Amino acid sequence: MRIPNAPSGLIKEAGYCGRSGIIWTANWWVALETISIVLKEKNGNRCLPIVIGFFEAQAIYLRLNRIVPPRPFSHDLMVQIVHRLDSHLDKILIDELNADTFFAKLYLLRSTGEEYIIDSRPSDAIALALREGAPMFVNDDVFLKLEN
């Protein structure tokens, strides 16, 4: 399992996504065939490590490195569909931790003001937020569960 153009071992990416929310840090453990992304609070010290799948990691990696694939990937297609439906991704929220699995929500906003909340895997939500420049949030209860 290799991310394109990624050397073996630990690769760190860091940056800021969105108008508000959190700073993200991505740690790619390619040599161990485990890929994780660590989200860090914008104005705090709490971190949220999430193990993600190869394809989601690839989608995130390509976006972080401004690599445009010759054809749209699934996350690019999802963004196009959302826009064609006269909507945009307003924010994402990682809202639950249950049995060592994180859950997230996508908040879509239509031009009419209607809001739609859609269940999502955090890795897909992050990949979409990076494409849309949408803020990423984590429910405080998730951090509390991690601490215990």
C-alpha atoms as a PDB file:
ATOM      1  CA  MET A   1       0.000   0.000   0.000  1.00  0.00           C
ATOM      2  CA  ARG A   2       1.716   3.167  -1.140  1.00  0.00           C
ATOM      3  CA  ILE A   3       0.456   6.667  -1.551  1.00  0.00           C
ATOM      4  CA  PRO A   4       1.662   8.099  -4.891  1.00  0.00           C
ATOM      5  CA  ASN A   5       5.087   9.739  -4.640  1.00  0.00           C
ATOM      6  CA  ALA A   6       5.303   8.891  -0.931  1.00  0.00           C
ATOM      7  CA  PRO A   7       8.520   7.468   0.463  1.00  0.00           C
ATOM      8  CA  SER A   8       8.378   4.602   2.904  1.00  0.00           C
ATOM      9  CA  GLY A   9       8.046   5.469   6.588  1.00  0.00           C
ATOM     10  CA  LEU A  10       6.435   8.364   8.361  1.00  0.00           C
ATOM     11  CA  ILE A  11       5.299  11.312   6.280  1.00  0.00           C
ATOM     12  CA  LYS A  12       3.903  14.371   8.017  1.00  0.00           C
ATOM     13  CA  GLU A  13       1.623  16.948   6.461  1.00  0.00           C
ATOM     14  CA  ALA A  14       0.224  19.915   8.319  1.00  0.00           C
ATOM     15  CA  GLY A  15      -2.037  22.813   7.521  1.00  0.00           C
ATOM     16  CA  TYR A  16      -5.329  24.519   8.189  1.00  0.00           C
ATOM     17  CA  CYS A  17      -8.687  23.701   6.657  1.00  0.00           C
ATOM     18  CA  GLY A  18     -11.682  25.970   6.567  1.00  0.00           C
ATOM     19  CA  ARG A  19     -12.790  29.243   8.018  1.00  0.00           C
ATOM     20  CA  SER A  20     -12.848  27.897  11.565  1.00  0.00           C
ATOM     21  CA  GLY A  21     -12.648  24.564  13.283  1.00  0.00           C
ATOM     22  CA  ILE A  22      -9.483  22.573  13.699  1.00  0.00           C
ATOM     23  CA  ILE A  23      -5.969  22.312  12.408  1.00  0.00           C
ATOM     24  CA  TRP A  24      -5.182  18.932  10.928  1.00  0.00           C
ATOM     25  CA  THR A  25      -1.978  16.987  10.916  1.00  0.00           C
ATOM     26  CA  ALA A  26      -1.661  13.880   8.800  1.00  0.00           C
ATOM     27  CA  ASN A  27       0.709  11.099   9.765  1.00  0.00           C
ATOM     28  CA  TRP A  28       1.098   8.541   7.027  1.00  0.00           C
ATOM     29  CA  TRP A  29       2.473   5.249   8.366  1.00  0.00           C
ATOM     30  CA  VAL A  30       3.045   3.685   4.951  1.00  0.00           C
ATOM     31  CA  ALA A  31       5.700   1.152   5.926  1.00  0.00           C
ATOM     32  CA  LEU A  32       3.386  -0.412   8.524  1.00  0.00           C
ATOM     33  CA  GLU A  33       0.491  -0.488   6.051  1.00  0.00           C
ATOM     34  CA  THR A  34      -1.467   1.583   8.534  1.00  0.00           C
ATOM     35  CA  ILE A  35      -2.510   5.058   7.547  1.00  0.00           C
ATOM     36  CA  SER A  36      -3.754   7.527  10.108  1.00  0.00           C
ATOM     37  CA  ILE A  37      -4.657  11.162  10.181  1.00  0.00           C
ATOM     38  CA  VAL A  38      -4.398  13.182  13.375  1.00  0.00           C
ATOM     39  CA  LEU A  39      -6.714  16.142  13.776  1.00  0.00           C
ATOM     40  CA  LYS A  40      -5.589  18.801  16.251  1.00  0.00           C
ATOM     41  CA  GLU A  41      -7.637  21.545  17.818  1.00  0.00           C
ATOM     42  CA  LYS A  42      -7.178  25.008  16.376  1.00  0.00           C
ATOM     43  CA  ASN A  43      -7.046  26.710  19.785  1.00  0.00           C
ATOM     44  CA  GLY A  44      -6.082  23.856  22.073  1.00  0.00           C
ATOM     45  CA  ASN A  45      -3.938  20.808  22.609  1.00  0.00           C
ATOM     46  CA  ARG A  46      -6.369  17.947  22.030  1.00  0.00           C
ATOM     47  CA  CYS A  47      -5.721  15.562  19.137  1.00  0.00           C
ATOM     48  CA  LEU A  48      -7.890  13.006  17.406  1.00  0.00           C
ATOM     49  CA  PRO A  49      -6.036  10.114  15.717  1.00  0.00           C
ATOM     50  CA  ILE A  50      -8.123   8.304  13.096  1.00  0.00           C
ATOM     51  CA  VAL A  51      -6.983   5.231  11.154  1.00  0.00           C
ATOM     52  CA  ILE A  52      -8.203   5.588   7.583  1.00  0.00           C
ATOM     53  CA  GLY A  53      -8.372   3.397   4.494  1.00  0.00           C
ATOM     54  CA  PHE A  54      -5.953   3.502   1.590  1.00  0.00           C
ATOM     55  CA  PHE A  55      -8.343   5.071  -0.932  1.00  0.00           C
ATOM     56  CA  GLU A  56      -9.443   7.809   1.461  1.00  0.00           C
ATOM     57  CA  ALA A  57      -5.800   8.459   2.363  1.00  0.00           C
ATOM     58  CA  GLN A  58      -4.974   8.709  -1.319  1.00  0.00           C
ATOM     59  CA  ALA A  59      -7.827  11.185  -1.874  1.00  0.00           C
ATOM     60  CA  ILE A  60      -6.643  13.300   1.077  1.00  0.00           C
ATOM     61  CA  TYR A  61      -2.983  13.079   0.013  1.00  0.00           C
ATOM     62  CA  LEU A  62      -3.732  14.159  -3.553  1.00  0.00           C
ATOM     63  CA  ARG A  63      -5.738  17.156  -2.359  1.00  0.00           C
ATOM     64  CA  LEU A  64      -3.144  18.221   0.215  1.00  0.00           C
ATOM     65  CA  ASN A  65      -0.464  18.118  -2.461  1.00  0.00           C
ATOM     66  CA  ARG A  66      -2.636  19.794  -5.109  1.00  0.00           C
ATOM     67  CA  ILE A  67      -2.304  16.808  -7.444  1.00  0.00           C
ATOM     68  CA  VAL A  68      -5.145  16.709  -9.974  1.00  0.00           C
ATOM     69  CA  PRO A  69      -5.904  13.198 -11.253  1.00  0.00           C
ATOM     70  CA  PRO A  70      -6.666  12.788 -14.972  1.00  0.00           C
ATOM     71  CA  ARG A  71     -10.249  11.789 -14.086  1.00  0.00           C
ATOM     72  CA  PRO A  72     -12.266  12.732 -10.992  1.00  0.00           C
ATOM     73  CA  PHE A  73     -12.031  10.448  -7.974  1.00  0.00           C
ATOM     74  CA  SER A  74     -15.136   9.538  -5.972  1.00  0.00           C
ATOM     75  CA  HIS A  75     -14.786  12.513  -3.615  1.00  0.00           C
ATOM     76  CA  ASP A  76     -14.409  14.903  -6.557  1.00  0.00           C
ATOM     77  CA  LEU A  77     -17.541  13.389  -8.075  1.00  0.00           C
ATOM     78  CA  MET A  78     -19.443  13.822  -4.785  1.00  0.00           C
ATOM     79  CA  VAL A  79     -18.499  17.514  -4.685  1.00  0.00           C
ATOM     80  CA  GLN A  80     -19.707  17.957  -8.278  1.00  0.00           C
ATOM     81  CA  ILE A  81     -23.030  16.295  -7.438  1.00  0.00           C
ATOM     82  CA  VAL A  82     -23.515  18.492  -4.374  1.00  0.00           C
ATOM     83  CA  HIS A  83     -22.844  21.621  -6.446  1.00  0.00           C
ATOM     84  CA  ARG A  84     -25.196  20.494  -9.238  1.00  0.00           C
ATOM     85  CA  LEU A  85     -27.914  20.147  -6.597  1.00  0.00           C
ATOM     86  CA  ASP A  86     -27.391  23.822  -5.760  1.00  0.00           C
ATOM     87  CA  SER A  87     -25.753  22.987  -2.424  1.00  0.00           C
ATOM     88  CA  HIS A  88     -22.389  23.182  -0.719  1.00  0.00           C
ATOM     89  CA  LEU A  89     -20.670  21.445   2.162  1.00  0.00           C
ATOM     90  CA  ASP A  90     -21.089  23.854   5.061  1.00  0.00           C
ATOM     91  CA  LYS A  91     -19.078  21.872   7.641  1.00  0.00           C
ATOM     92  CA  ILE A  92     -18.275  18.405   8.915  1.00  0.00           C
ATOM     93  CA  LEU A  93     -18.642  17.150  12.461  1.00  0.00           C
ATOM     94  CA  ILE A  94     -16.978  14.081  13.930  1.00  0.00           C
ATOM     95  CA  ASP A  95     -19.676  13.429  16.462  1.00  0.00           C
ATOM     96  CA  GLU A  96     -19.337   9.957  17.907  1.00  0.00           C
ATOM     97  CA  LEU A  97     -16.872   7.314  19.049  1.00  0.00           C
ATOM     98  CA  ASN A  98     -18.394   3.878  19.566  1.00  0.00           C
ATOM     99  CA  ALA A  99     -16.454   0.604  19.925  1.00  0.00           C
ATOM    100  CA  ASP A 100     -13.233   2.250  18.664  1.00  0.00           C
ATOM    101  CA  THR A 101     -15.020   3.513  15.540  1.00  0.00           C
ATOM    102  CA  PHE A 102     -15.499   7.205  14.747  1.00  0.00           C
ATOM    103  CA  PHE A 103     -18.653   8.537  13.099  1.00  0.00           C
ATOM    104  CA  ALA A 104     -19.159  11.837  11.307  1.00  0.00           C
ATOM    105  CA  LYS A 105     -21.830  14.023   9.764  1.00  0.00           C
ATOM    106  CA  LEU A 106     -21.793  16.134   6.616  1.00  0.00           C
ATOM    107  CA  TYR A 107     -23.778  19.364   6.822  1.00  0.00           C
ATOM    108  CA  LEU A 108     -24.989  20.320   3.353  1.00  0.00           C
ATOM    109  CA  LEU A 109     -26.585  23.702   2.812  1.00  0.00           C
ATOM    110  CA  ARG A 110     -28.800  24.471  -0.174  1.00  0.00           C
ATOM    111  CA  SER A 111     -29.077  27.945  -1.638  1.00  0.00           C
ATOM    112  CA  THR A 112     -32.665  27.997  -0.325  1.00  0.00           C
ATOM    113  CA  GLY A 113     -31.333  27.741   3.242  1.00  0.00           C
ATOM    114  CA  GLU A 114     -32.360  24.114   3.735  1.00  0.00           C
ATOM    115  CA  GLU A 115     -29.814  22.071   5.666  1.00  0.00           C
ATOM    116  CA  TYR A 116     -29.265  18.356   5.165  1.00  0.00           C
ATOM    117  CA  ILE A 117     -27.292  16.253   7.636  1.00  0.00           C
ATOM    118  CA  ILE A 118     -25.790  13.074   6.185  1.00  0.00           C
ATOM    119  CA  ASP A 119     -23.964  10.277   8.024  1.00  0.00           C
ATOM    120  CA  SER A 120     -20.413   9.745   6.852  1.00  0.00           C
ATOM    121  CA  ARG A 121     -17.172   8.034   7.683  1.00  0.00           C
ATOM    122  CA  PRO A 122     -14.734  10.617   9.087  1.00  0.00           C
ATOM    123  CA  SER A 123     -12.177   9.895   6.365  1.00  0.00           C
ATOM    124  CA  ASP A 124     -14.709  10.647   3.610  1.00  0.00           C
ATOM    125  CA  ALA A 125     -15.899  13.748   5.471  1.00  0.00           C
ATOM    126  CA  ILE A 126     -12.302  15.009   5.780  1.00  0.00           C
ATOM    127  CA  ALA A 127     -11.605  14.346   2.083  1.00  0.00           C
ATOM    128  CA  LEU A 128     -14.734  16.315   1.139  1.00  0.00           C
ATOM    129  CA  ALA A 129     -13.978  19.162   3.583  1.00  0.00           C
ATOM    130  CA  LEU A 130     -10.515  19.575   2.085  1.00  0.00           C
ATOM    131  CA  ARG A 131     -12.018  19.851  -1.396  1.00  0.00           C
ATOM    132  CA  GLU A 132     -14.647  22.365  -0.291  1.00  0.00           C
ATOM    133  CA  GLY A 133     -12.591  24.369   2.219  1.00  0.00           C
ATOM    134  CA  ALA A 134     -15.262  23.505   4.791  1.00  0.00           C
ATOM    135  CA  PRO A 135     -14.504  23.721   8.503  1.00  0.00           C
ATOM    136  CA  MET A 136     -14.032  20.498  10.468  1.00  0.00           C
ATOM    137  CA  PHE A 137     -15.342  20.106  14.009  1.00  0.00           C
ATOM    138  CA  VAL A 138     -15.128  17.395  16.664  1.00  0.00           C
ATOM    139  CA  ASN A 139     -17.789  16.912  19.335  1.00  0.00           C
ATOM    140  CA  ASP A 140     -16.363  17.394  22.861  1.00  0.00           C
ATOM    141  CA  ASP A 141     -17.867  14.036  23.886  1.00  0.00           C
ATOM    142  CA  VAL A 142     -15.550  12.310  21.388  1.00  0.00           C
ATOM    143  CA  PHE A 143     -12.503  13.828  23.069  1.00  0.00           C
ATOM    144  CA  LEU A 144     -13.855  12.854  26.510  1.00  0.00           C
ATOM    145  CA  LYS A 145     -14.266   9.220  25.397  1.00  0.00           C
ATOM    146  CA  LEU A 146     -10.673   9.211  24.143  1.00  0.00           C
ATOM    147  CA  GLU A 147      -9.399  10.471  27.468  1.00  0.00           C
ATOM    148  CA  ASN A 148     -11.160   7.674  29.393  1.00  0.00           C
END
